[in-house]
Protein backbone atom coordinates (compact mmCIF):
# COMPACT_ATOMS: atom_id res chain seq x y z
CA MET A 1 -13.47 -40.89 -13.29
CA ALA A 2 -10.79 -40.44 -10.60
CA ASN A 3 -8.14 -41.00 -13.23
CA SER A 4 -9.37 -37.94 -15.17
CA LYS A 5 -8.98 -35.68 -12.12
CA THR A 6 -5.52 -37.06 -11.45
CA ASP A 7 -4.45 -36.43 -15.02
CA THR A 8 -5.69 -32.84 -14.86
CA SER A 9 -3.90 -32.09 -11.61
CA GLU A 10 -0.71 -33.71 -12.87
CA LYS A 11 -0.84 -31.57 -16.00
CA TYR A 12 -1.30 -28.45 -13.86
CA LEU A 13 1.55 -29.41 -11.54
CA ARG A 14 3.76 -30.23 -14.49
CA VAL A 15 3.37 -26.67 -15.79
CA PHE A 16 4.84 -25.34 -12.57
CA ASP A 17 7.98 -26.72 -10.99
CA SER A 18 6.66 -27.23 -7.48
CA LYS A 19 3.87 -26.44 -5.06
CA LYS A 20 6.08 -23.71 -3.58
CA HIS A 21 6.19 -22.02 -6.98
CA ILE A 22 2.38 -22.20 -7.19
CA LEU A 23 1.97 -20.66 -3.72
CA VAL A 24 4.46 -17.86 -4.42
CA SER A 25 2.86 -17.16 -7.80
CA ASN A 26 -0.66 -16.97 -6.34
CA PHE A 27 0.53 -14.86 -3.39
CA LEU A 28 2.22 -12.34 -5.69
CA GLY A 29 -0.87 -12.31 -7.91
CA GLY A 30 -3.04 -11.50 -4.90
CA ILE A 31 -0.76 -8.68 -3.81
CA SER A 32 -0.74 -7.28 -7.35
CA TRP A 33 -4.54 -7.40 -7.48
CA ALA A 34 -4.82 -5.60 -4.12
CA LEU A 35 -2.37 -2.88 -5.14
CA GLY A 36 -4.19 -2.40 -8.44
CA THR A 37 -7.48 -2.03 -6.60
CA ILE A 38 -5.99 0.56 -4.23
CA VAL A 39 -4.39 2.56 -7.03
CA GLY A 40 -7.60 2.47 -9.09
CA PHE A 41 -9.69 3.65 -6.14
CA LEU A 42 -7.16 6.41 -5.47
CA ILE A 43 -7.28 7.65 -9.06
CA ILE A 44 -11.10 7.65 -9.12
CA SER A 45 -11.19 9.46 -5.77
CA ILE A 46 -8.73 12.13 -6.90
CA ILE A 47 -10.67 12.76 -10.10
CA SER A 48 -13.98 12.91 -8.22
CA VAL A 49 -12.69 15.38 -5.62
CA TYR A 50 -11.14 17.52 -8.36
CA ILE A 51 -14.42 17.65 -10.30
CA ILE A 52 -16.42 18.41 -7.16
CA GLY A 53 -13.96 21.16 -6.23
CA GLN A 54 -14.06 22.73 -9.70
CA THR A 55 -17.85 22.75 -9.92
CA GLY A 56 -18.33 24.40 -6.53
CA LEU A 57 -20.14 21.45 -5.03
CA LEU A 58 -17.46 21.01 -2.37
CA ALA A 59 -18.90 23.79 -0.20
CA LYS A 60 -22.41 22.34 -0.45
CA VAL A 61 -21.20 18.82 0.36
CA SER A 62 -19.17 20.06 3.34
CA ILE A 63 -22.16 22.00 4.71
CA TRP A 64 -24.38 18.93 4.25
CA LEU A 65 -21.88 16.71 6.08
CA SER A 66 -21.46 19.23 8.90
CA ASP A 67 -25.27 19.30 9.32
CA ILE A 68 -25.31 15.51 9.60
CA VAL A 69 -22.56 15.56 12.23
CA GLN A 70 -24.24 18.37 14.17
CA ASN A 71 -27.60 16.59 14.17
CA SER A 72 -25.95 13.36 15.29
CA GLN A 73 -24.18 15.12 18.13
CA ASN A 74 -27.35 16.91 19.21
CA SER A 75 -29.25 13.63 19.41
CA LEU A 76 -26.48 11.84 21.33
CA ILE A 77 -25.28 14.54 23.73
CA PRO A 78 -28.02 15.86 26.04
CA THR A 79 -28.11 19.59 26.65
CA ASP A 80 -29.53 19.00 30.14
CA LEU A 81 -27.39 16.45 31.98
CA ASN A 82 -30.39 15.37 34.08
CA GLN A 83 -32.24 14.23 30.93
CA PRO A 84 -31.23 11.08 28.97
CA PRO A 85 -30.47 11.60 25.27
CA ASN A 86 -33.49 11.51 22.94
CA ASN A 87 -31.82 9.51 20.13
CA GLY A 88 -34.46 10.70 17.70
CA ARG A 89 -37.35 8.91 19.46
CA GLN A 90 -40.61 10.56 20.39
CA THR A 91 -41.29 10.86 24.11
CA LYS A 92 -44.82 10.82 25.46
């Protein structure tokens, strides 16, 4: 059984010249995959923002996000400095 694994690894190593070549090849493949992921995400993001901008949803989304930020700030920053922040919890 061990002989089978050795034969397989020798065949794989025979395809490439050295372990250094394998490491460089896999490293460059990983960098290429990462760059492809970034470029793909960028293209999808650009298309999405363009469609949202053309349909008029951008104003609604920006108002919704500003409401979320405002509500978060109101719950974290007390208006009366003598009172601790509520953090959305009910006080009795």
